Structures are given as C-alpha cells and as structure tokens.
Amino acid sequence: MSRIPAVIKGITPEQVEYISRGVVAGVDEVGRGPLVGDVVTAAVILDPNNPITGLNDSKKLTEKRREALYIEIIDKALAISVGRASPIEIDKINILHATMLAMQRAVSGLSIQPERVLVDGNRSPDFGIQSHAIIKGDGLVAAISAASIIAKVTRDREMAELDARYPQYGFANHKGYPTKAHFEALETHGVLDEHRKSFKPVMALLDRS
C-alpha cells in the first residue's frame, strides 16, 4: 500500500485494516466545547484476538449502549489510559493546545508502548512515534471508537459528580455545554472555580461583575 498521509480524510476500509495492524493506540477527546470542567482524552489499545462488537462514535450510541461498551472495553482492551487538561490549563494555553496536551498524557500513561497512534480529527500532537489524524475516525476505526466511548463515559460521570455538588447548574443534563439552561444558571448563581474563565460567555459574565 502507498504511503499513508499524516491526516486522512475519507479513509478506506483497506487503509483502516492496514494502519490497525500491530500495537496501535486509538485516541479521542471529549469536552472541547463545554464551559466547565476538564477536557478528557482516552487512549485505547484493543486486543485483536478479543474483538468487541458494536464500537462506534460515542455520540451515535445511546447512554445505555455506551455504558455497556465501556465495561466491555475495560474488560477486553490490552491497555487503557485517560488523560486530561484542567480549566486552569485550558485558560492558560487555550483549548486546542490543552486538548493536544491531554492526548499526549493519555498515550504516555498507557501500560503498553504503542507502535502507532491513531487520533480522531484533523490534527495530532507529537507523540514521539508515528501517528495519523483521521477525520471522522471515531466512527470508522475501532480503537478510536473505543477511546471515544471511554472518554465520553468518563467525562459524563464527572459531570454527574459536579451536578451532585452544584445541582442548581444542571450539569447532569447539559454536561457543561453552553445551553440556555447553563447560561441561566450562570446568570443566577455565578461562575464556579470549575468554569473555564477564558471562554467568552464566562469571561463576559466575569467582566460584568
């Protein structure tokens, strides 16, 4: 097969099969858009001898199916690592750089050193090993789908924990995203330490106070 580019758009099944050979880590993120909490990433190395049926982009799965697949991935994967960047880090270096940092942390935390890293999206940070960014990879590459599910379930659980601490903000429902209910809660109850102060709606509220 000809050389696989660093950024792949419209990946073919043949390319997926080719770049998934060997010890490969899939990486994805959840939480770039919310106004609150960490951006969470996951790196997953699947076991080719113990396949998981039904892996897909976590956003296309029901919560019940995500939770079931999360348990199965934890049980069957060769290695799993979660990385994150805090609101303070996001405010300091911006959300894009914080996401790349969180991805590097996830890969470096793996108990097995991968030969290659496959990242969902159009860019990949420097992992010190070969990597490819795959546009819409979370729905096309099993290892990335698994990482998407691990990251999504992890962050959603953290939002549920934040909701238990601050029920007036409705985090369990909107997961920190900039919804009407979240804006209303910010207006009524103010900005929390967990909010991202550099994001425009939060910054605007702070500038008024």
N, C-alpha and C. Protein backbone atom coordinates (compact mmCIF):
# COMPACT_ATOMS: atom_id res chain seq x y z
N MET A 1 0.85 -1.20 0.00
CA MET A 1 0.00 0.00 0.00
C MET A 1 0.88 1.24 0.00
N SER A 2 0.46 2.28 -0.75
CA SER A 2 1.23 3.52 -0.80
C SER A 2 1.23 4.20 0.56
N ARG A 3 2.12 5.15 0.71
CA ARG A 3 2.32 5.83 1.99
C ARG A 3 1.02 6.43 2.50
N ILE A 4 0.73 6.19 3.77
CA ILE A 4 -0.47 6.74 4.40
C ILE A 4 -0.16 8.16 4.88
N PRO A 5 -0.96 9.16 4.51
CA PRO A 5 -0.68 10.53 4.94
C PRO A 5 -0.88 10.73 6.43
N ALA A 6 -0.32 11.84 6.95
CA ALA A 6 -0.44 12.15 8.38
C ALA A 6 -1.88 12.49 8.75
N VAL A 7 -2.61 13.11 7.83
CA VAL A 7 -4.03 13.43 8.03
C VAL A 7 -4.81 12.70 6.95
N ILE A 8 -5.77 11.90 7.36
CA ILE A 8 -6.51 11.07 6.41
C ILE A 8 -7.99 11.48 6.40
N LYS A 9 -8.46 11.88 5.22
CA LYS A 9 -9.88 12.19 5.03
C LYS A 9 -10.46 11.15 4.09
N GLY A 10 -11.61 10.61 4.43
CA GLY A 10 -12.22 9.59 3.59
C GLY A 10 -11.44 8.30 3.60
N ILE A 11 -11.07 7.86 4.79
CA ILE A 11 -10.27 6.64 4.92
C ILE A 11 -11.05 5.45 4.38
N THR A 12 -10.35 4.56 3.69
CA THR A 12 -10.98 3.37 3.11
C THR A 12 -10.87 2.20 4.09
N PRO A 13 -11.73 1.20 3.94
CA PRO A 13 -11.60 0.01 4.80
C PRO A 13 -10.23 -0.64 4.69
N GLU A 14 -9.64 -0.61 3.49
CA GLU A 14 -8.32 -1.18 3.31
C GLU A 14 -7.27 -0.41 4.11
N GLN A 15 -7.38 0.91 4.12
CA GLN A 15 -6.45 1.73 4.90
C GLN A 15 -6.64 1.49 6.39
N VAL A 16 -7.89 1.35 6.82
CA VAL A 16 -8.17 1.07 8.24
C VAL A 16 -7.51 -0.23 8.65
N GLU A 17 -7.66 -1.24 7.83
CA GLU A 17 -7.07 -2.55 8.13
C GLU A 17 -5.54 -2.44 8.18
N TYR A 18 -4.97 -1.70 7.26
CA TYR A 18 -3.52 -1.58 7.16
C TYR A 18 -2.93 -0.86 8.38
N ILE A 19 -3.51 0.30 8.74
CA ILE A 19 -2.92 1.07 9.83
C ILE A 19 -3.30 0.54 11.21
N SER A 20 -4.24 -0.42 11.25
CA SER A 20 -4.62 -1.01 12.53
C SER A 20 -3.78 -2.23 12.90
N ARG A 21 -2.86 -2.60 12.04
CA ARG A 21 -2.00 -3.74 12.32
C ARG A 21 -0.99 -3.42 13.41
N GLY A 22 -0.64 -4.43 14.19
CA GLY A 22 0.37 -4.23 15.23
C GLY A 22 -0.24 -3.65 16.50
N VAL A 23 0.60 -3.07 17.32
CA VAL A 23 0.16 -2.49 18.59
C VAL A 23 -0.20 -1.03 18.33
N VAL A 24 -1.50 -0.77 18.21
CA VAL A 24 -2.00 0.53 17.79
C VAL A 24 -2.89 1.12 18.88
N ALA A 25 -2.64 2.37 19.21
CA ALA A 25 -3.48 3.08 20.18
C ALA A 25 -4.43 4.02 19.44
N GLY A 26 -5.71 3.92 19.76
CA GLY A 26 -6.70 4.89 19.29
C GLY A 26 -6.87 5.97 20.33
N VAL A 27 -7.02 7.22 19.88
CA VAL A 27 -7.13 8.35 20.81
C VAL A 27 -8.28 9.25 20.38
N ASP A 28 -9.07 9.69 21.36
CA ASP A 28 -10.12 10.66 21.10
C ASP A 28 -10.32 11.53 22.32
N GLU A 29 -11.03 12.64 22.11
CA GLU A 29 -11.27 13.58 23.20
C GLU A 29 -12.76 13.83 23.35
N VAL A 30 -13.12 14.28 24.53
CA VAL A 30 -14.47 14.74 24.81
C VAL A 30 -14.36 15.99 25.68
N GLY A 31 -15.15 17.01 25.33
CA GLY A 31 -15.21 18.18 26.21
C GLY A 31 -14.47 19.41 25.74
N ARG A 32 -14.30 19.57 24.43
CA ARG A 32 -13.70 20.81 23.95
C ARG A 32 -14.69 21.97 24.04
N GLY A 33 -15.97 21.69 23.83
CA GLY A 33 -16.96 22.75 23.75
C GLY A 33 -17.57 23.24 25.05
N PRO A 34 -17.61 22.43 26.11
CA PRO A 34 -18.24 22.88 27.35
C PRO A 34 -17.58 24.10 27.99
N LEU A 35 -18.31 24.74 28.85
CA LEU A 35 -17.82 25.92 29.57
C LEU A 35 -17.20 25.54 30.90
N VAL A 36 -17.26 24.27 31.27
CA VAL A 36 -16.85 23.86 32.60
C VAL A 36 -16.14 22.51 32.55
N GLY A 37 -15.23 22.30 33.49
CA GLY A 37 -14.60 21.00 33.65
C GLY A 37 -13.41 20.76 32.75
N ASP A 38 -12.79 19.60 32.95
CA ASP A 38 -11.61 19.21 32.18
C ASP A 38 -11.99 18.83 30.74
N VAL A 39 -11.04 18.98 29.84
CA VAL A 39 -11.13 18.29 28.56
C VAL A 39 -10.51 16.91 28.80
N VAL A 40 -11.25 15.86 28.43
CA VAL A 40 -10.86 14.49 28.76
C VAL A 40 -10.52 13.74 27.48
N THR A 41 -9.41 13.03 27.51
CA THR A 41 -9.00 12.20 26.38
C THR A 41 -8.79 10.77 26.85
N ALA A 42 -8.85 9.86 25.90
CA ALA A 42 -8.57 8.45 26.21
C ALA A 42 -7.71 7.85 25.12
N ALA A 43 -6.83 6.94 25.51
CA ALA A 43 -6.03 6.15 24.59
C ALA A 43 -6.33 4.68 24.87
N VAL A 44 -6.63 3.94 23.82
CA VAL A 44 -7.02 2.53 23.98
C VAL A 44 -6.25 1.67 22.98
N ILE A 45 -5.68 0.58 23.48
CA ILE A 45 -5.09 -0.45 22.63
C ILE A 45 -5.98 -1.68 22.73
N LEU A 46 -6.65 -2.00 21.63
CA LEU A 46 -7.55 -3.15 21.63
C LEU A 46 -6.77 -4.45 21.42
N ASP A 47 -7.39 -5.54 21.83
CA ASP A 47 -6.83 -6.87 21.64
C ASP A 47 -7.41 -7.47 20.36
N PRO A 48 -6.60 -7.64 19.31
CA PRO A 48 -7.14 -8.19 18.05
C PRO A 48 -7.69 -9.60 18.21
N ASN A 49 -7.28 -10.29 19.25
CA ASN A 49 -7.77 -11.65 19.49
C ASN A 49 -9.02 -11.69 20.36
N ASN A 50 -9.49 -10.51 20.77
CA ASN A 50 -10.66 -10.43 21.63
C ASN A 50 -11.53 -9.26 21.18
N PRO A 51 -12.11 -9.35 19.98
CA PRO A 51 -12.82 -8.20 19.39
C PRO A 51 -14.08 -7.81 20.15
N ILE A 52 -14.46 -6.57 19.96
CA ILE A 52 -15.66 -6.01 20.59
C ILE A 52 -16.64 -5.61 19.49
N THR A 53 -17.85 -6.10 19.57
CA THR A 53 -18.87 -5.82 18.55
C THR A 53 -19.63 -4.54 18.90
N GLY A 54 -19.90 -3.72 17.87
CA GLY A 54 -20.76 -2.56 18.06
C GLY A 54 -20.06 -1.27 18.39
N LEU A 55 -18.72 -1.23 18.29
CA LEU A 55 -18.00 0.00 18.56
C LEU A 55 -18.36 1.06 17.52
N ASN A 56 -18.53 2.30 17.99
CA ASN A 56 -18.89 3.39 17.09
C ASN A 56 -18.58 4.71 17.80
N ASP A 57 -18.72 5.79 17.07
CA ASP A 57 -18.62 7.12 17.65
C ASP A 57 -19.55 7.17 18.86
N SER A 58 -19.01 7.58 20.01
CA SER A 58 -19.80 7.57 21.25
C SER A 58 -21.05 8.42 21.15
N LYS A 59 -21.01 9.48 20.34
CA LYS A 59 -22.17 10.37 20.20
C LYS A 59 -23.33 9.69 19.47
N LYS A 60 -23.03 8.61 18.75
CA LYS A 60 -24.07 7.91 17.99
C LYS A 60 -24.67 6.74 18.76
N LEU A 61 -24.22 6.56 19.98
CA LEU A 61 -24.69 5.47 20.81
C LEU A 61 -25.60 5.99 21.92
N THR A 62 -26.56 5.18 22.32
CA THR A 62 -27.37 5.56 23.47
C THR A 62 -26.51 5.49 24.73
N GLU A 63 -26.94 6.17 25.77
CA GLU A 63 -26.20 6.14 27.03
C GLU A 63 -26.08 4.71 27.55
N LYS A 64 -27.15 3.95 27.45
CA LYS A 64 -27.13 2.56 27.92
C LYS A 64 -26.12 1.73 27.14
N ARG A 65 -26.07 1.92 25.82
CA ARG A 65 -25.13 1.15 24.99
C ARG A 65 -23.70 1.59 25.27
N ARG A 66 -23.48 2.89 25.46
CA ARG A 66 -22.14 3.39 25.79
C ARG A 66 -21.63 2.78 27.07
N GLU A 67 -22.50 2.73 28.08
CA GLU A 67 -22.10 2.19 29.37
C GLU A 67 -21.74 0.70 29.25
N ALA A 68 -22.53 -0.03 28.47
CA ALA A 68 -22.26 -1.46 28.29
C ALA A 68 -20.94 -1.67 27.55
N LEU A 69 -20.69 -0.87 26.51
CA LEU A 69 -19.45 -0.99 25.76
C LEU A 69 -18.25 -0.54 26.60
N TYR A 70 -18.46 0.46 27.44
CA TYR A 70 -17.40 0.92 28.34
C TYR A 70 -16.90 -0.24 29.20
N ILE A 71 -17.83 -0.96 29.78
CA ILE A 71 -17.47 -2.10 30.63
C ILE A 71 -16.74 -3.17 29.82
N GLU A 72 -17.22 -3.41 28.60
CA GLU A 72 -16.60 -4.43 27.75
C GLU A 72 -15.18 -4.01 27.33
N ILE A 73 -15.01 -2.73 27.02
CA ILE A 73 -13.67 -2.23 26.66
C ILE A 73 -12.72 -2.37 27.84
N ILE A 74 -13.17 -1.98 29.01
CA ILE A 74 -12.34 -2.11 30.22
C ILE A 74 -11.92 -3.56 30.41
N ASP A 75 -12.83 -4.47 30.12
CA ASP A 75 -12.58 -5.90 30.33
C ASP A 75 -11.65 -6.50 29.27
N LYS A 76 -11.77 -6.06 28.02
CA LYS A 76 -11.11 -6.75 26.91
C LYS A 76 -9.86 -6.03 26.37
N ALA A 77 -9.76 -4.73 26.53
CA ALA A 77 -8.65 -3.99 25.91
C ALA A 77 -7.31 -4.39 26.54
N LEU A 78 -6.26 -4.31 25.75
CA LEU A 78 -4.92 -4.60 26.26
C LEU A 78 -4.41 -3.49 27.16
N ALA A 79 -4.77 -2.25 26.85
CA ALA A 79 -4.33 -1.10 27.66
C ALA A 79 -5.29 0.06 27.46
N ILE A 80 -5.54 0.79 28.54
CA ILE A 80 -6.41 1.97 28.52
C ILE A 80 -5.78 3.04 29.40
N SER A 81 -5.80 4.27 28.92
CA SER A 81 -5.31 5.38 29.72
C SER A 81 -6.17 6.60 29.46
N VAL A 82 -6.48 7.34 30.51
CA VAL A 82 -7.25 8.58 30.40
C VAL A 82 -6.31 9.76 30.69
N GLY A 83 -6.36 10.74 29.83
CA GLY A 83 -5.59 11.97 30.04
C GLY A 83 -6.55 13.15 30.12
N ARG A 84 -6.07 14.23 30.69
CA ARG A 84 -6.95 15.39 30.84
C ARG A 84 -6.14 16.67 30.94
N ALA A 85 -6.83 17.77 30.72
CA ALA A 85 -6.27 19.09 31.00
C ALA A 85 -7.33 19.87 31.75
N SER A 86 -6.91 20.58 32.76
CA SER A 86 -7.83 21.26 33.68
C SER A 86 -8.30 22.60 33.11
N PRO A 87 -9.36 23.17 33.68
CA PRO A 87 -9.78 24.50 33.27
C PRO A 87 -8.66 25.54 33.38
N ILE A 88 -7.84 25.44 34.41
CA ILE A 88 -6.72 26.38 34.56
C ILE A 88 -5.76 26.25 33.38
N GLU A 89 -5.46 25.01 32.99
CA GLU A 89 -4.58 24.79 31.84
C GLU A 89 -5.22 25.27 30.55
N ILE A 90 -6.51 25.01 30.40
CA ILE A 90 -7.24 25.46 29.22
C ILE A 90 -7.18 26.98 29.11
N ASP A 91 -7.40 27.66 30.22
CA ASP A 91 -7.36 29.13 30.22
C ASP A 91 -5.95 29.66 29.92
N LYS A 92 -4.95 28.90 30.30
CA LYS A 92 -3.57 29.36 30.12
C LYS A 92 -3.06 29.14 28.70
N ILE A 93 -3.38 27.99 28.10
CA ILE A 93 -2.76 27.67 26.81
C ILE A 93 -3.78 27.51 25.68
N ASN A 94 -5.03 27.69 25.93
CA ASN A 94 -6.20 27.60 25.04
C ASN A 94 -6.63 26.14 24.86
N ILE A 95 -7.87 26.00 24.41
CA ILE A 95 -8.48 24.67 24.39
C ILE A 95 -7.81 23.73 23.40
N LEU A 96 -7.35 24.24 22.26
CA LEU A 96 -6.70 23.36 21.29
C LEU A 96 -5.41 22.78 21.86
N HIS A 97 -4.55 23.63 22.39
CA HIS A 97 -3.28 23.14 22.94
C HIS A 97 -3.51 22.26 24.18
N ALA A 98 -4.55 22.59 24.95
CA ALA A 98 -4.86 21.78 26.13
C ALA A 98 -5.33 20.39 25.70
N THR A 99 -6.09 20.32 24.61
CA THR A 99 -6.54 19.03 24.10
C THR A 99 -5.37 18.19 23.62
N MET A 100 -4.44 18.82 22.90
CA MET A 100 -3.25 18.09 22.44
C MET A 100 -2.43 17.59 23.63
N LEU A 101 -2.30 18.42 24.66
CA LEU A 101 -1.57 18.03 25.87
C LEU A 101 -2.25 16.84 26.55
N ALA A 102 -3.57 16.88 26.63
CA ALA A 102 -4.31 15.79 27.26
C ALA A 102 -4.15 14.49 26.47
N MET A 103 -4.10 14.59 25.15
CA MET A 103 -3.87 13.41 24.32
C MET A 103 -2.49 12.82 24.58
N GLN A 104 -1.49 13.69 24.66
CA GLN A 104 -0.13 13.21 24.96
C GLN A 104 -0.09 12.52 26.32
N ARG A 105 -0.80 13.07 27.28
CA ARG A 105 -0.84 12.47 28.62
C ARG A 105 -1.50 11.10 28.57
N ALA A 106 -2.57 10.97 27.79
CA ALA A 106 -3.25 9.68 27.69
C ALA A 106 -2.33 8.62 27.10
N VAL A 107 -1.64 8.96 26.03
CA VAL A 107 -0.76 7.98 25.39
C VAL A 107 0.42 7.63 26.28
N SER A 108 0.99 8.64 26.93
CA SER A 108 2.15 8.37 27.80
C SER A 108 1.77 7.54 29.01
N GLY A 109 0.48 7.53 29.37
CA GLY A 109 0.02 6.76 30.51
C GLY A 109 -0.31 5.31 30.21
N LEU A 110 -0.24 4.92 28.94
CA LEU A 110 -0.53 3.53 28.58
C LEU A 110 0.50 2.57 29.17
N SER A 111 0.05 1.42 29.61
CA SER A 111 0.95 0.42 30.19
C SER A 111 1.73 -0.34 29.12
N ILE A 112 1.30 -0.21 27.87
CA ILE A 112 1.99 -0.82 26.74
C ILE A 112 2.38 0.29 25.78
N GLN A 113 3.60 0.26 25.28
CA GLN A 113 4.05 1.26 24.32
C GLN A 113 3.50 0.92 22.93
N PRO A 114 2.68 1.80 22.36
CA PRO A 114 2.15 1.51 21.02
C PRO A 114 3.20 1.76 19.94
N GLU A 115 2.99 1.08 18.82
CA GLU A 115 3.84 1.31 17.64
C GLU A 115 3.34 2.47 16.81
N ARG A 116 2.05 2.78 16.95
CA ARG A 116 1.42 3.82 16.15
C ARG A 116 0.23 4.36 16.91
N VAL A 117 -0.07 5.64 16.71
CA VAL A 117 -1.22 6.27 17.35
C VAL A 117 -2.17 6.80 16.28
N LEU A 118 -3.44 6.50 16.43
CA LEU A 118 -4.48 6.97 15.51
C LEU A 118 -5.41 7.90 16.28
N VAL A 119 -5.51 9.14 15.80
CA VAL A 119 -6.24 10.18 16.52
C VAL A 119 -7.47 10.61 15.71
N ASP A 120 -8.59 10.78 16.37
CA ASP A 120 -9.77 11.31 15.70
C ASP A 120 -9.58 12.80 15.41
N GLY A 121 -9.93 13.22 14.20
CA GLY A 121 -9.86 14.64 13.88
C GLY A 121 -8.88 14.95 12.78
N ASN A 122 -8.50 16.23 12.70
CA ASN A 122 -7.65 16.68 11.61
C ASN A 122 -6.24 17.07 12.04
N ARG A 123 -5.90 16.78 13.29
CA ARG A 123 -4.53 17.05 13.72
C ARG A 123 -4.16 16.13 14.88
N SER A 124 -2.86 15.90 14.97
CA SER A 124 -2.34 15.02 16.01
C SER A 124 -1.15 15.68 16.67
N PRO A 125 -1.04 15.60 17.99
CA PRO A 125 0.16 16.13 18.64
C PRO A 125 1.35 15.22 18.40
N ASP A 126 2.51 15.65 18.81
CA ASP A 126 3.72 14.84 18.69
C ASP A 126 3.76 13.83 19.84
N PHE A 127 3.67 12.56 19.49
CA PHE A 127 3.74 11.51 20.50
C PHE A 127 5.13 10.87 20.55
N GLY A 128 6.02 11.29 19.68
CA GLY A 128 7.34 10.69 19.61
C GLY A 128 7.36 9.40 18.82
N ILE A 129 6.20 9.00 18.29
CA ILE A 129 6.09 7.82 17.42
C ILE A 129 5.15 8.17 16.28
N GLN A 130 5.06 7.30 15.32
CA GLN A 130 4.20 7.54 14.16
C GLN A 130 2.75 7.74 14.59
N SER A 131 2.10 8.74 14.01
CA SER A 131 0.69 8.96 14.31
C SER A 131 -0.03 9.46 13.07
N HIS A 132 -1.33 9.23 13.05
CA HIS A 132 -2.18 9.69 11.95
C HIS A 132 -3.43 10.32 12.56
N ALA A 133 -3.84 11.45 12.01
CA ALA A 133 -5.13 12.06 12.36
C ALA A 133 -6.14 11.61 11.31
N ILE A 134 -7.24 11.07 11.77
CA ILE A 134 -8.23 10.50 10.86
C ILE A 134 -9.55 11.24 11.03
N ILE A 135 -9.95 11.96 10.02
CA ILE A 135 -11.19 12.73 10.08
C ILE A 135 -12.38 11.75 10.14
N LYS A 136 -13.23 11.98 11.14
CA LYS A 136 -14.37 11.08 11.44
C LYS A 136 -13.90 9.68 11.82
N GLY A 137 -12.70 9.59 12.36
CA GLY A 137 -12.13 8.31 12.74
C GLY A 137 -12.88 7.62 13.85
N ASP A 138 -13.61 8.38 14.68
CA ASP A 138 -14.32 7.77 15.80
C ASP A 138 -15.45 6.86 15.34
N GLY A 139 -15.89 7.00 14.09
CA GLY A 139 -16.92 6.11 13.58
C GLY A 139 -16.39 5.08 12.60
N LEU A 140 -15.08 5.12 12.33
CA LEU A 140 -14.50 4.27 11.29
C LEU A 140 -13.40 3.33 11.77
N VAL A 141 -12.73 3.69 12.85
CA VAL A 141 -11.59 2.91 13.35
C VAL A 141 -11.93 2.42 14.75
N ALA A 142 -11.89 1.11 14.94
CA ALA A 142 -12.36 0.51 16.20
C ALA A 142 -11.63 1.07 17.42
N ALA A 143 -10.32 1.21 17.34
CA ALA A 143 -9.56 1.69 18.50
C ALA A 143 -9.94 3.12 18.87
N ILE A 144 -10.22 3.95 17.85
CA ILE A 144 -10.64 5.33 18.12
C ILE A 144 -12.05 5.34 18.68
N SER A 145 -12.93 4.50 18.14
CA SER A 145 -14.28 4.39 18.69
C SER A 145 -14.24 4.02 20.16
N ALA A 146 -13.38 3.07 20.51
CA ALA A 146 -13.25 2.65 21.91
C ALA A 146 -12.76 3.81 22.78
N ALA A 147 -11.79 4.57 22.27
CA ALA A 147 -11.29 5.73 23.02
C ALA A 147 -12.39 6.77 23.19
N SER A 148 -13.19 6.96 22.15
CA SER A 148 -14.30 7.90 22.22
C SER A 148 -15.28 7.52 23.33
N ILE A 149 -15.57 6.24 23.43
CA ILE A 149 -16.51 5.75 24.46
C ILE A 149 -15.92 5.92 25.86
N ILE A 150 -14.66 5.55 26.03
CA ILE A 150 -14.03 5.69 27.35
C ILE A 150 -14.01 7.15 27.78
N ALA A 151 -13.63 8.05 26.87
CA ALA A 151 -13.56 9.48 27.21
C ALA A 151 -14.95 10.04 27.52
N LYS A 152 -15.94 9.67 26.71
CA LYS A 152 -17.29 10.20 26.90
C LYS A 152 -17.91 9.74 28.22
N VAL A 153 -17.82 8.46 28.51
CA VAL A 153 -18.40 7.95 29.75
C VAL A 153 -17.67 8.55 30.95
N THR A 154 -16.35 8.65 30.87
CA THR A 154 -15.57 9.23 31.96
C THR A 154 -16.00 10.66 32.24
N ARG A 155 -16.10 11.48 31.20
CA ARG A 155 -16.46 12.89 31.42
C ARG A 155 -17.91 13.04 31.86
N ASP A 156 -18.81 12.26 31.29
CA ASP A 156 -20.21 12.33 31.70
C ASP A 156 -20.37 11.98 33.18
N ARG A 157 -19.61 11.01 33.65
CA ARG A 157 -19.67 10.66 35.07
C ARG A 157 -19.14 11.79 35.93
N GLU A 158 -18.12 12.47 35.45
CA GLU A 158 -17.58 13.60 36.20
C GLU A 158 -18.57 14.76 36.25
N MET A 159 -19.33 14.94 35.17
CA MET A 159 -20.36 15.97 35.17
C MET A 159 -21.49 15.60 36.14
N ALA A 160 -21.79 14.32 36.27
CA ALA A 160 -22.80 13.88 37.24
C ALA A 160 -22.32 14.16 38.66
N GLU A 161 -21.02 13.96 38.89
CA GLU A 161 -20.45 14.26 40.21
C GLU A 161 -20.50 15.76 40.50
N LEU A 162 -20.21 16.56 39.47
CA LEU A 162 -20.28 18.02 39.64
C LEU A 162 -21.72 18.46 39.88
N ASP A 163 -22.65 17.78 39.23
CA ASP A 163 -24.07 18.08 39.42
C ASP A 163 -24.50 17.80 40.86
N ALA A 164 -23.95 16.74 41.44
CA ALA A 164 -24.29 16.41 42.83
C ALA A 164 -23.80 17.50 43.78
N ARG A 165 -22.68 18.13 43.44
CA ARG A 165 -22.13 19.20 44.27
C ARG A 165 -22.84 20.53 44.04
N TYR A 166 -23.24 20.77 42.80
CA TYR A 166 -23.88 22.04 42.42
C TYR A 166 -25.15 21.76 41.62
N PRO A 167 -26.19 21.20 42.24
CA PRO A 167 -27.38 20.80 41.49
C PRO A 167 -28.09 21.96 40.79
N GLN A 168 -27.87 23.18 41.25
CA GLN A 168 -28.56 24.33 40.66
C GLN A 168 -28.08 24.65 39.25
N TYR A 169 -26.96 24.05 38.82
CA TYR A 169 -26.43 24.35 37.49
C TYR A 169 -26.88 23.36 36.41
N GLY A 170 -27.41 22.22 36.81
CA GLY A 170 -27.93 21.26 35.83
C GLY A 170 -26.89 20.53 35.01
N PHE A 171 -25.71 20.33 35.58
CA PHE A 171 -24.62 19.71 34.81
C PHE A 171 -24.93 18.30 34.32
N ALA A 172 -25.74 17.56 35.06
CA ALA A 172 -26.07 16.19 34.65
C ALA A 172 -26.85 16.18 33.34
N ASN A 173 -27.56 17.27 33.06
CA ASN A 173 -28.36 17.34 31.84
C ASN A 173 -27.58 17.89 30.65
N HIS A 174 -26.93 19.05 30.84
CA HIS A 174 -26.26 19.68 29.69
C HIS A 174 -24.77 19.38 29.61
N LYS A 175 -24.24 18.69 30.61
CA LYS A 175 -22.84 18.25 30.60
C LYS A 175 -21.84 19.41 30.48
N GLY A 176 -22.28 20.59 30.87
CA GLY A 176 -21.37 21.75 30.83
C GLY A 176 -21.38 22.51 29.53
N TYR A 177 -22.13 22.02 28.54
CA TYR A 177 -22.16 22.71 27.25
C TYR A 177 -22.94 24.03 27.36
N PRO A 178 -22.72 24.94 26.42
CA PRO A 178 -23.34 26.28 26.52
C PRO A 178 -24.80 26.27 26.08
N THR A 179 -25.64 25.71 26.91
CA THR A 179 -27.08 25.67 26.63
C THR A 179 -27.77 26.85 27.32
N LYS A 180 -29.03 27.06 26.96
CA LYS A 180 -29.83 28.12 27.58
C LYS A 180 -29.91 27.92 29.10
N ALA A 181 -30.13 26.67 29.52
CA ALA A 181 -30.22 26.39 30.96
C ALA A 181 -28.90 26.70 31.67
N HIS A 182 -27.79 26.40 31.02
CA HIS A 182 -26.49 26.69 31.63
C HIS A 182 -26.26 28.19 31.74
N PHE A 183 -26.61 28.92 30.68
CA PHE A 183 -26.46 30.38 30.72
C PHE A 183 -27.31 30.99 31.84
N GLU A 184 -28.53 30.49 31.98
CA GLU A 184 -29.42 31.00 33.03
C GLU A 184 -28.85 30.71 34.42
N ALA A 185 -28.28 29.51 34.59
CA ALA A 185 -27.68 29.17 35.89
C ALA A 185 -26.47 30.05 36.18
N LEU A 186 -25.67 30.32 35.16
CA LEU A 186 -24.52 31.22 35.34
C LEU A 186 -24.98 32.61 35.76
N GLU A 187 -26.02 33.10 35.10
CA GLU A 187 -26.54 34.43 35.43
C GLU A 187 -27.05 34.49 36.86
N THR A 188 -27.72 33.41 37.29
CA THR A 188 -28.34 33.40 38.62
C THR A 188 -27.35 33.09 39.73
N HIS A 189 -26.47 32.13 39.50
CA HIS A 189 -25.62 31.61 40.57
C HIS A 189 -24.15 31.98 40.44
N GLY A 190 -23.75 32.51 39.31
CA GLY A 190 -22.37 32.96 39.16
C GLY A 190 -21.42 31.88 38.62
N VAL A 191 -20.18 32.26 38.52
CA VAL A 191 -19.14 31.41 37.93
C VAL A 191 -18.47 30.56 39.02
N LEU A 192 -18.28 29.28 38.74
CA LEU A 192 -17.61 28.37 39.67
C LEU A 192 -16.11 28.31 39.35
N ASP A 193 -15.34 27.80 40.30
CA ASP A 193 -13.92 27.58 40.05
C ASP A 193 -13.71 26.64 38.88
N GLU A 194 -14.65 25.72 38.69
CA GLU A 194 -14.51 24.72 37.63
C GLU A 194 -14.82 25.27 36.24
N HIS A 195 -15.35 26.47 36.15
CA HIS A 195 -15.64 27.05 34.85
C HIS A 195 -14.36 27.52 34.15
N ARG A 196 -14.41 27.52 32.83
CA ARG A 196 -13.28 27.96 32.00
C ARG A 196 -13.39 29.47 31.79
N LYS A 197 -12.56 30.21 32.47
CA LYS A 197 -12.68 31.68 32.50
C LYS A 197 -12.35 32.34 31.18
N SER A 198 -11.63 31.63 30.30
CA SER A 198 -11.25 32.23 29.01
C SER A 198 -12.33 32.05 27.95
N PHE A 199 -13.36 31.25 28.22
CA PHE A 199 -14.43 31.06 27.25
C PHE A 199 -15.35 32.28 27.29
N LYS A 200 -15.74 32.75 26.14
CA LYS A 200 -16.39 34.06 26.02
C LYS A 200 -17.60 34.26 26.92
N PRO A 201 -18.55 33.31 27.00
CA PRO A 201 -19.71 33.56 27.86
C PRO A 201 -19.34 33.71 29.34
N VAL A 202 -18.35 32.95 29.78
CA VAL A 202 -17.91 33.05 31.18
C VAL A 202 -17.12 34.34 31.38
N MET A 203 -16.25 34.66 30.44
CA MET A 203 -15.46 35.87 30.52
C MET A 203 -16.35 37.11 30.55
N ALA A 204 -17.41 37.10 29.72
CA ALA A 204 -18.33 38.23 29.67
C ALA A 204 -19.03 38.44 31.00
N LEU A 205 -19.39 37.33 31.65
CA LEU A 205 -20.05 37.42 32.95
C LEU A 205 -19.08 37.95 34.01
N LEU A 206 -17.85 37.50 33.98
CA LEU A 206 -16.85 37.98 34.92
C LEU A 206 -16.53 39.45 34.72
N ASP A 207 -16.54 39.90 33.46
CA ASP A 207 -16.24 41.30 33.17
C ASP A 207 -17.34 42.22 33.70
N ARG A 208 -18.54 41.68 33.80
CA ARG A 208 -19.67 42.48 34.30
C ARG A 208 -19.69 42.53 35.82
N SER A 209 -19.02 41.60 36.47
CA SER A 209 -19.13 41.52 37.93
C SER A 209 -18.10 42.42 38.60
